[in-house]
Amino acid sequence: MDSSMCSSAPDPEMWIIQGTLAWRTPPVRIGIRPAELFFQMHLLARRLTEGSVAMSNLEPSTSPLRWILQAIHINPSCLRYWRALLKFME
């Protein structure tokens, strides 16, 4: 992903657009593992459903729970993903 995603106050809509583009780009080309991409999308979806930037029009396929479950499915040995799931379920 490009450096514009690392700004101090990112626009959530741009994150969705760039995340979608990254999702369609083979992981080898962007240098990120598939499970990590699912995890990052989980964090983004969680951010979009909480707080002042809440977006109620998220499709069920983009729910934070679905993203973290897919990350765990791909890499079940990553404790960070399990911790994120536990935190999300609280």
PDB file of N, CA and C in Angstrom:
ATOM      1  N   MET A   1       0.835  -1.168   0.000  1.00  0.00           N
ATOM      2  CA  MET A   1       0.000   0.000   0.000  1.00  0.00           C
ATOM      3  C   MET A   1       0.885   1.237   0.000  1.00  0.00           C
ATOM      4  N   ASP A   2       0.376   2.322  -0.530  1.00  0.00           N
ATOM      5  CA  ASP A   2       1.233   3.493  -0.631  1.00  0.00           C
ATOM      6  C   ASP A   2       1.256   4.299   0.662  1.00  0.00           C
ATOM      7  N   SER A   3       2.154   5.266   0.703  1.00  0.00           N
ATOM      8  CA  SER A   3       2.383   6.037   1.925  1.00  0.00           C
ATOM      9  C   SER A   3       1.224   6.956   2.284  1.00  0.00           C
ATOM     10  N   SER A   4       0.312   7.221   1.357  1.00  0.00           N
ATOM     11  CA  SER A   4      -0.813   8.100   1.683  1.00  0.00           C
ATOM     12  C   SER A   4      -1.727   7.490   2.736  1.00  0.00           C
ATOM     13  N   MET A   5      -1.638   6.183   2.946  1.00  0.00           N
ATOM     14  CA  MET A   5      -2.453   5.529   3.961  1.00  0.00           C
ATOM     15  C   MET A   5      -1.888   5.742   5.355  1.00  0.00           C
ATOM     16  N   CYS A   6      -0.698   6.310   5.464  1.00  0.00           N
ATOM     17  CA  CYS A   6      -0.044   6.473   6.751  1.00  0.00           C
ATOM     18  C   CYS A   6      -0.162   7.890   7.296  1.00  0.00           C
ATOM     19  N   SER A   7      -0.997   8.716   6.718  1.00  0.00           N
ATOM     20  CA  SER A   7      -1.119  10.083   7.217  1.00  0.00           C
ATOM     21  C   SER A   7      -1.728  10.080   8.612  1.00  0.00           C
ATOM     22  N   SER A   8      -1.575  11.196   9.317  1.00  0.00           N
ATOM     23  CA  SER A   8      -2.019  11.254  10.706  1.00  0.00           C
ATOM     24  C   SER A   8      -3.538  11.225  10.846  1.00  0.00           C
ATOM     25  N   ALA A   9      -4.268  11.739   9.886  1.00  0.00           N
ATOM     26  CA  ALA A   9      -5.726  11.735   9.955  1.00  0.00           C
ATOM     27  C   ALA A   9      -6.297  11.180   8.654  1.00  0.00           C
ATOM     28  N   PRO A  10      -6.236   9.862   8.467  1.00  0.00           N
ATOM     29  CA  PRO A  10      -6.674   9.278   7.202  1.00  0.00           C
ATOM     30  C   PRO A  10      -8.189   9.368   7.022  1.00  0.00           C
ATOM     31  N   ASP A  11      -8.590   9.480   5.796  1.00  0.00           N
ATOM     32  CA  ASP A  11     -10.001   9.505   5.446  1.00  0.00           C
ATOM     33  C   ASP A  11     -10.486   8.056   5.369  1.00  0.00           C
ATOM     34  N   PRO A  12     -11.466   7.661   6.185  1.00  0.00           N
ATOM     35  CA  PRO A  12     -11.929   6.270   6.184  1.00  0.00           C
ATOM     36  C   PRO A  12     -12.391   5.780   4.818  1.00  0.00           C
ATOM     37  N   GLU A  13     -13.006   6.643   4.031  1.00  0.00           N
ATOM     38  CA  GLU A  13     -13.459   6.226   2.709  1.00  0.00           C
ATOM     39  C   GLU A  13     -12.280   5.891   1.803  1.00  0.00           C
ATOM     40  N   MET A  14     -11.196   6.654   1.909  1.00  0.00           N
ATOM     41  CA  MET A  14     -10.002   6.354   1.114  1.00  0.00           C
ATOM     42  C   MET A  14      -9.383   5.036   1.564  1.00  0.00           C
ATOM     43  N   TRP A  15      -9.434   4.754   2.864  1.00  0.00           N
ATOM     44  CA  TRP A  15      -8.910   3.476   3.363  1.00  0.00           C
ATOM     45  C   TRP A  15      -9.678   2.321   2.733  1.00  0.00           C
ATOM     46  N   ILE A  16     -10.987   2.478   2.619  1.00  0.00           N
ATOM     47  CA  ILE A  16     -11.798   1.419   2.012  1.00  0.00           C
ATOM     48  C   ILE A  16     -11.404   1.241   0.557  1.00  0.00           C
ATOM     49  N   ILE A  17     -11.277   2.346  -0.162  1.00  0.00           N
ATOM     50  CA  ILE A  17     -10.910   2.276  -1.577  1.00  0.00           C
ATOM     51  C   ILE A  17      -9.539   1.640  -1.738  1.00  0.00           C
ATOM     52  N   GLN A  18      -8.551   2.124  -0.982  1.00  0.00           N
ATOM     53  CA  GLN A  18      -7.203   1.588  -1.111  1.00  0.00           C
ATOM     54  C   GLN A  18      -7.118   0.156  -0.599  1.00  0.00           C
ATOM     55  N   GLY A  19      -7.875  -0.159   0.438  1.00  0.00           N
ATOM     56  CA  GLY A  19      -7.897  -1.532   0.942  1.00  0.00           C
ATOM     57  C   GLY A  19      -8.488  -2.487  -0.075  1.00  0.00           C
ATOM     58  N   THR A  20      -9.535  -2.023  -0.769  1.00  0.00           N
ATOM     59  CA  THR A  20     -10.146  -2.840  -1.810  1.00  0.00           C
ATOM     60  C   THR A  20      -9.170  -3.054  -2.955  1.00  0.00           C
ATOM     61  N   LEU A  21      -8.454  -2.003  -3.332  1.00  0.00           N
ATOM     62  CA  LEU A  21      -7.455  -2.147  -4.393  1.00  0.00           C
ATOM     63  C   LEU A  21      -6.352  -3.106  -3.967  1.00  0.00           C
ATOM     64  N   ALA A  22      -5.919  -3.003  -2.722  1.00  0.00           N
ATOM     65  CA  ALA A  22      -4.882  -3.906  -2.219  1.00  0.00           C
ATOM     66  C   ALA A  22      -5.386  -5.339  -2.197  1.00  0.00           C
ATOM     67  N   TRP A  23      -6.655  -5.506  -1.892  1.00  0.00           N
ATOM     68  CA  TRP A  23      -7.238  -6.844  -1.848  1.00  0.00           C
ATOM     69  C   TRP A  23      -7.198  -7.490  -3.225  1.00  0.00           C
ATOM     70  N   ARG A  24      -7.368  -6.690  -4.269  1.00  0.00           N
ATOM     71  CA  ARG A  24      -7.383  -7.222  -5.631  1.00  0.00           C
ATOM     72  C   ARG A  24      -5.987  -7.369  -6.219  1.00  0.00           C
ATOM     73  N   THR A  25      -4.979  -6.880  -5.523  1.00  0.00           N
ATOM     74  CA  THR A  25      -3.604  -6.993  -5.979  1.00  0.00           C
ATOM     75  C   THR A  25      -2.992  -8.233  -5.340  1.00  0.00           C
ATOM     76  N   PRO A  26      -2.310  -9.063  -6.116  1.00  0.00           N
ATOM     77  CA  PRO A  26      -1.704 -10.256  -5.527  1.00  0.00           C
ATOM     78  C   PRO A  26      -0.792  -9.891  -4.355  1.00  0.00           C
ATOM     79  N   PRO A  27      -0.875 -10.634  -3.235  1.00  0.00           N
ATOM     80  CA  PRO A  27      -0.082 -10.321  -2.044  1.00  0.00           C
ATOM     81  C   PRO A  27       1.416 -10.214  -2.298  1.00  0.00           C
ATOM     82  N   VAL A  28       1.933 -10.975  -3.243  1.00  0.00           N
ATOM     83  CA  VAL A  28       3.363 -10.935  -3.530  1.00  0.00           C
ATOM     84  C   VAL A  28       3.770  -9.553  -4.035  1.00  0.00           C
ATOM     85  N   ARG A  29       2.909  -8.921  -4.822  1.00  0.00           N
ATOM     86  CA  ARG A  29       3.235  -7.610  -5.385  1.00  0.00           C
ATOM     87  C   ARG A  29       3.212  -6.502  -4.351  1.00  0.00           C
ATOM     88  N   ILE A  30       2.378  -6.614  -3.331  1.00  0.00           N
ATOM     89  CA  ILE A  30       2.304  -5.546  -2.340  1.00  0.00           C
ATOM     90  C   ILE A  30       3.118  -5.862  -1.092  1.00  0.00           C
ATOM     91  N   GLY A  31       3.705  -7.049  -1.031  1.00  0.00           N
ATOM     92  CA  GLY A  31       4.584  -7.393   0.080  1.00  0.00           C
ATOM     93  C   GLY A  31       3.874  -7.626   1.399  1.00  0.00           C
ATOM     94  N   ILE A  32       2.655  -8.100   1.359  1.00  0.00           N
ATOM     95  CA  ILE A  32       1.916  -8.353   2.598  1.00  0.00           C
ATOM     96  C   ILE A  32       1.312  -9.754   2.526  1.00  0.00           C
ATOM     97  N   ARG A  33       1.285 -10.414   3.663  1.00  0.00           N
ATOM     98  CA  ARG A  33       0.714 -11.755   3.709  1.00  0.00           C
ATOM     99  C   ARG A  33      -0.807 -11.673   3.707  1.00  0.00           C
ATOM    100  N   PRO A  34      -1.497 -12.638   3.086  1.00  0.00           N
ATOM    101  CA  PRO A  34      -2.961 -12.580   2.996  1.00  0.00           C
ATOM    102  C   PRO A  34      -3.656 -12.469   4.356  1.00  0.00           C
ATOM    103  N   ALA A  35      -3.226 -13.214   5.357  1.00  0.00           N
ATOM    104  CA  ALA A  35      -3.870 -13.143   6.673  1.00  0.00           C
ATOM    105  C   ALA A  35      -3.710 -11.749   7.269  1.00  0.00           C
ATOM    106  N   GLU A  36      -2.561 -11.148   7.050  1.00  0.00           N
ATOM    107  CA  GLU A  36      -2.328  -9.801   7.583  1.00  0.00           C
ATOM    108  C   GLU A  36      -3.252  -8.784   6.907  1.00  0.00           C
ATOM    109  N   LEU A  37      -3.515  -8.974   5.641  1.00  0.00           N
ATOM    110  CA  LEU A  37      -4.447  -8.086   4.938  1.00  0.00           C
ATOM    111  C   LEU A  37      -5.849  -8.211   5.529  1.00  0.00           C
ATOM    112  N   PHE A  38      -6.282  -9.442   5.805  1.00  0.00           N
ATOM    113  CA  PHE A  38      -7.579  -9.639   6.458  1.00  0.00           C
ATOM    114  C   PHE A  38      -7.597  -8.949   7.816  1.00  0.00           C
ATOM    115  N   PHE A  39      -6.496  -9.063   8.563  1.00  0.00           N
ATOM    116  CA  PHE A  39      -6.419  -8.444   9.886  1.00  0.00           C
ATOM    117  C   PHE A  39      -6.508  -6.921   9.779  1.00  0.00           C
ATOM    118  N   GLN A  40      -5.792  -6.348   8.832  1.00  0.00           N
ATOM    119  CA  GLN A  40      -5.838  -4.897   8.642  1.00  0.00           C
ATOM    120  C   GLN A  40      -7.245  -4.438   8.247  1.00  0.00           C
ATOM    121  N   MET A  41      -7.922  -5.226   7.420  1.00  0.00           N
ATOM    122  CA  MET A  41      -9.291  -4.880   7.041  1.00  0.00           C
ATOM    123  C   MET A  41     -10.226  -4.995   8.247  1.00  0.00           C
ATOM    124  N   HIS A  42      -9.944  -5.944   9.152  1.00  0.00           N
ATOM    125  CA  HIS A  42     -10.713  -6.055  10.396  1.00  0.00           C
ATOM    126  C   HIS A  42     -10.576  -4.769  11.209  1.00  0.00           C
ATOM    127  N   LEU A  43      -9.338  -4.296  11.351  1.00  0.00           N
ATOM    128  CA  LEU A  43      -9.104  -3.073  12.119  1.00  0.00           C
ATOM    129  C   LEU A  43      -9.829  -1.885  11.493  1.00  0.00           C
ATOM    130  N   LEU A  44      -9.774  -1.802  10.181  1.00  0.00           N
ATOM    131  CA  LEU A  44     -10.453  -0.710   9.482  1.00  0.00           C
ATOM    132  C   LEU A  44     -11.966  -0.799   9.653  1.00  0.00           C
ATOM    133  N   ALA A  45     -12.520  -1.984   9.455  1.00  0.00           N
ATOM    134  CA  ALA A  45     -13.971  -2.155   9.585  1.00  0.00           C
ATOM    135  C   ALA A  45     -14.423  -1.852  11.005  1.00  0.00           C
ATOM    136  N   ARG A  46     -13.609  -2.245  11.984  1.00  0.00           N
ATOM    137  CA  ARG A  46     -13.949  -1.956  13.380  1.00  0.00           C
ATOM    138  C   ARG A  46     -13.966  -0.454  13.633  1.00  0.00           C
ATOM    139  N   ARG A  47     -12.987   0.211  13.070  1.00  0.00           N
ATOM    140  CA  ARG A  47     -12.908   1.667  13.228  1.00  0.00           C
ATOM    141  C   ARG A  47     -14.112   2.355  12.589  1.00  0.00           C
ATOM    142  N   LEU A  48     -14.560   1.814  11.466  1.00  0.00           N
ATOM    143  CA  LEU A  48     -15.687   2.422  10.760  1.00  0.00           C
ATOM    144  C   LEU A  48     -17.024   2.157  11.441  1.00  0.00           C
ATOM    145  N   THR A  49     -17.101   1.151  12.295  1.00  0.00           N
ATOM    146  CA  THR A  49     -18.361   0.846  12.970  1.00  0.00           C
ATOM    147  C   THR A  49     -18.415   1.409  14.380  1.00  0.00           C
ATOM    148  N   GLU A  50     -17.334   2.018  14.839  1.00  0.00           N
ATOM    149  CA  GLU A  50     -17.281   2.567  16.193  1.00  0.00           C
ATOM    150  C   GLU A  50     -17.070   4.074  16.146  1.00  0.00           C
ATOM    151  N   GLY A  51     -17.462   4.727  17.205  1.00  0.00           N
ATOM    152  CA  GLY A  51     -17.129   6.134  17.402  1.00  0.00           C
ATOM    153  C   GLY A  51     -17.773   7.101  16.441  1.00  0.00           C
ATOM    154  N   SER A  52     -17.081   8.210  16.245  1.00  0.00           N
ATOM    155  CA  SER A  52     -17.642   9.320  15.479  1.00  0.00           C
ATOM    156  C   SER A  52     -17.673   9.064  13.983  1.00  0.00           C
ATOM    157  N   VAL A  53     -16.922   8.080  13.509  1.00  0.00           N
ATOM    158  CA  VAL A  53     -16.918   7.808  12.074  1.00  0.00           C
ATOM    159  C   VAL A  53     -17.781   6.598  11.735  1.00  0.00           C
ATOM    160  N   ALA A  54     -18.724   6.256  12.605  1.00  0.00           N
ATOM    161  CA  ALA A  54     -19.559   5.074  12.399  1.00  0.00           C
ATOM    162  C   ALA A  54     -20.273   5.142  11.054  1.00  0.00           C
ATOM    163  N   MET A  55     -20.194   4.038  10.345  1.00  0.00           N
ATOM    164  CA  MET A  55     -20.864   3.937   9.053  1.00  0.00           C
ATOM    165  C   MET A  55     -21.817   2.752   9.135  1.00  0.00           C
ATOM    166  N   SER A  56     -23.088   3.020   9.104  1.00  0.00           N
ATOM    167  CA  SER A  56     -24.075   1.958   9.264  1.00  0.00           C
ATOM    168  C   SER A  56     -24.346   1.212   7.964  1.00  0.00           C
ATOM    169  N   ASN A  57     -23.809   1.682   6.863  1.00  0.00           N
ATOM    170  CA  ASN A  57     -24.100   1.065   5.577  1.00  0.00           C
ATOM    171  C   ASN A  57     -23.060   0.030   5.156  1.00  0.00           C
ATOM    172  N   LEU A  58     -22.266  -0.481   6.099  1.00  0.00           N
ATOM    173  CA  LEU A  58     -21.307  -1.524   5.756  1.00  0.00           C
ATOM    174  C   LEU A  58     -22.049  -2.809   5.408  1.00  0.00           C
ATOM    175  N   GLU A  59     -21.613  -3.462   4.363  1.00  0.00           N
ATOM    176  CA  GLU A  59     -22.216  -4.731   3.980  1.00  0.00           C
ATOM    177  C   GLU A  59     -21.791  -5.805   4.976  1.00  0.00           C
ATOM    178  N   PRO A  60     -22.616  -6.851   5.151  1.00  0.00           N
ATOM    179  CA  PRO A  60     -22.228  -7.926   6.077  1.00  0.00           C
ATOM    180  C   PRO A  60     -20.884  -8.561   5.723  1.00  0.00           C
ATOM    181  N   SER A  61     -20.530  -8.569   4.440  1.00  0.00           N
ATOM    182  CA  SER A  61     -19.256  -9.168   4.035  1.00  0.00           C
ATOM    183  C   SER A  61     -18.064  -8.339   4.478  1.00  0.00           C
ATOM    184  N   THR A  62     -18.301  -7.100   4.922  1.00  0.00           N
ATOM    185  CA  THR A  62     -17.203  -6.249   5.376  1.00  0.00           C
ATOM    186  C   THR A  62     -17.240  -6.027   6.885  1.00  0.00           C
ATOM    187  N   SER A  63     -17.951  -6.887   7.596  1.00  0.00           N
ATOM    188  CA  SER A  63     -18.040  -6.722   9.044  1.00  0.00           C
ATOM    189  C   SER A  63     -16.695  -7.059   9.688  1.00  0.00           C
ATOM    190  N   PRO A  64     -16.373  -6.403  10.796  1.00  0.00           N
ATOM    191  CA  PRO A  64     -15.107  -6.677  11.483  1.00  0.00           C
ATOM    192  C   PRO A  64     -14.961  -8.148  11.878  1.00  0.00           C
ATOM    193  N   LEU A  65     -16.060  -8.766  12.309  1.00  0.00           N
ATOM    194  CA  LEU A  65     -15.999 -10.169  12.721  1.00  0.00           C
ATOM    195  C   LEU A  65     -15.605 -11.064  11.555  1.00  0.00           C
ATOM    196  N   ARG A  66     -16.176 -10.819  10.411  1.00  0.00           N
ATOM    197  CA  ARG A  66     -15.863 -11.653   9.244  1.00  0.00           C
ATOM    198  C   ARG A  66     -14.381 -11.535   8.857  1.00  0.00           C
ATOM    199  N   TRP A  67     -13.850 -10.311   8.885  1.00  0.00           N
ATOM    200  CA  TRP A  67     -12.440 -10.119   8.516  1.00  0.00           C
ATOM    201  C   TRP A  67     -11.507 -10.856   9.474  1.00  0.00           C
ATOM    202  N   ILE A  68     -11.756 -10.748  10.783  1.00  0.00           N
ATOM    203  CA  ILE A  68     -10.844 -11.385  11.734  1.00  0.00           C
ATOM    204  C   ILE A  68     -10.964 -12.904  11.658  1.00  0.00           C
ATOM    205  N   LEU A  69     -12.163 -13.412  11.424  1.00  0.00           N
ATOM    206  CA  LEU A  69     -12.323 -14.862  11.281  1.00  0.00           C
ATOM    207  C   LEU A  69     -11.581 -15.377  10.054  1.00  0.00           C
ATOM    208  N   GLN A  70     -11.574 -14.614   8.983  1.00  0.00           N
ATOM    209  CA  GLN A  70     -10.837 -15.029   7.786  1.00  0.00           C
ATOM    210  C   GLN A  70      -9.332 -15.004   8.035  1.00  0.00           C
ATOM    211  N   ALA A  71      -8.859 -14.006   8.779  1.00  0.00           N
ATOM    212  CA  ALA A  71      -7.431 -13.950   9.117  1.00  0.00           C
ATOM    213  C   ALA A  71      -7.039 -15.159   9.954  1.00  0.00           C
ATOM    214  N   ILE A  72      -7.875 -15.504  10.930  1.00  0.00           N
ATOM    215  CA  ILE A  72      -7.596 -16.668  11.780  1.00  0.00           C
ATOM    216  C   ILE A  72      -7.644 -17.946  10.959  1.00  0.00           C
ATOM    217  N   HIS A  73      -8.567 -18.039  10.033  1.00  0.00           N
ATOM    218  CA  HIS A  73      -8.672 -19.230   9.190  1.00  0.00           C
ATOM    219  C   HIS A  73      -7.396 -19.444   8.373  1.00  0.00           C
ATOM    220  N   ILE A  74      -6.832 -18.363   7.869  1.00  0.00           N
ATOM    221  CA  ILE A  74      -5.621 -18.470   7.057  1.00  0.00           C
ATOM    222  C   ILE A  74      -4.392 -18.741   7.915  1.00  0.00           C
ATOM    223  N   ASN A  75      -4.313 -18.102   9.085  1.00  0.00           N
ATOM    224  CA  ASN A  75      -3.136 -18.265   9.944  1.00  0.00           C
ATOM    225  C   ASN A  75      -3.578 -18.463  11.400  1.00  0.00           C
ATOM    226  N   PRO A  76      -4.031 -19.681  11.742  1.00  0.00           N
ATOM    227  CA  PRO A  76      -4.542 -19.915  13.093  1.00  0.00           C
ATOM    228  C   PRO A  76      -3.476 -19.870  14.184  1.00  0.00           C
ATOM    229  N   SER A  77      -2.217 -19.879  13.826  1.00  0.00           N
ATOM    230  CA  SER A  77      -1.158 -19.865  14.843  1.00  0.00           C
ATOM    231  C   SER A  77      -0.791 -18.455  15.307  1.00  0.00           C
ATOM    232  N   CYS A  78      -1.377 -17.433  14.702  1.00  0.00           N
ATOM    233  CA  CYS A  78      -1.055 -16.057  15.076  1.00  0.00           C
ATOM    234  C   CYS A  78      -1.887 -15.632  16.284  1.00  0.00           C
ATOM    235  N   LEU A  79      -1.236 -15.482  17.429  1.00  0.00           N
ATOM    236  CA  LEU A  79      -1.937 -15.114  18.660  1.00  0.00           C
ATOM    237  C   LEU A  79      -2.534 -13.710  18.593  1.00  0.00           C
ATOM    238  N   ARG A  80      -1.934 -12.845  17.814  1.00  0.00           N
ATOM    239  CA  ARG A  80      -2.447 -11.477  17.686  1.00  0.00           C
ATOM    240  C   ARG A  80      -3.864 -11.478  17.122  1.00  0.00           C
ATOM    241  N   TYR A  81      -4.138 -12.361  16.172  1.00  0.00           N
ATOM    242  CA  TYR A  81      -5.470 -12.447  15.588  1.00  0.00           C
ATOM    243  C   TYR A  81      -6.478 -12.957  16.622  1.00  0.00           C
ATOM    244  N   TRP A  82      -6.069 -13.961  17.405  1.00  0.00           N
ATOM    245  CA  TRP A  82      -6.949 -14.500  18.445  1.00  0.00           C
ATOM    246  C   TRP A  82      -7.244 -13.444  19.505  1.00  0.00           C
ATOM    247  N   ARG A  83      -6.218 -12.678  19.883  1.00  0.00           N
ATOM    248  CA  ARG A  83      -6.430 -11.612  20.874  1.00  0.00           C
ATOM    249  C   ARG A  83      -7.402 -10.557  20.342  1.00  0.00           C
ATOM    250  N   ALA A  84      -7.262 -10.232  19.066  1.00  0.00           N
ATOM    251  CA  ALA A  84      -8.170  -9.252  18.460  1.00  0.00           C
ATOM    252  C   ALA A  84      -9.606  -9.783  18.458  1.00  0.00           C
ATOM    253  N   LEU A  85      -9.764 -11.084  18.205  1.00  0.00           N
ATOM    254  CA  LEU A  85     -11.098 -11.677  18.234  1.00  0.00           C
ATOM    255  C   LEU A  85     -11.688 -11.599  19.639  1.00  0.00           C
ATOM    256  N   LEU A  86     -10.891 -11.952  20.643  1.00  0.00           N
ATOM    257  CA  LEU A  86     -11.374 -11.879  22.025  1.00  0.00           C
ATOM    258  C   LEU A  86     -11.758 -10.452  22.406  1.00  0.00           C
ATOM    259  N   LYS A  87     -10.930  -9.502  22.015  1.00  0.00           N
ATOM    260  CA  LYS A  87     -11.222  -8.098  22.319  1.00  0.00           C
ATOM    261  C   LYS A  87     -12.498  -7.647  21.610  1.00  0.00           C
ATOM    262  N   PHE A  88     -12.669  -8.095  20.382  1.00  0.00           N
ATOM    263  CA  PHE A  88     -13.855  -7.726  19.613  1.00  0.00           C
ATOM    264  C   PHE A  88     -15.122  -8.315  20.233  1.00  0.00           C
ATOM    265  N   MET A  89     -15.018  -9.528  20.791  1.00  0.00           N
ATOM    266  CA  MET A  89     -16.183 -10.201  21.360  1.00  0.00           C
ATOM    267  C   MET A  89     -16.585  -9.634  22.720  1.00  0.00           C
ATOM    268  N   GLU A  90     -15.727  -8.842  23.361  1.00  0.00           N
ATOM    269  CA  GLU A  90     -16.051  -8.269  24.681  1.00  0.00           C
ATOM    270  C   GLU A  90     -17.179  -7.274  24.599  1.00  0.00           C
TER     271      GLU A  90
END
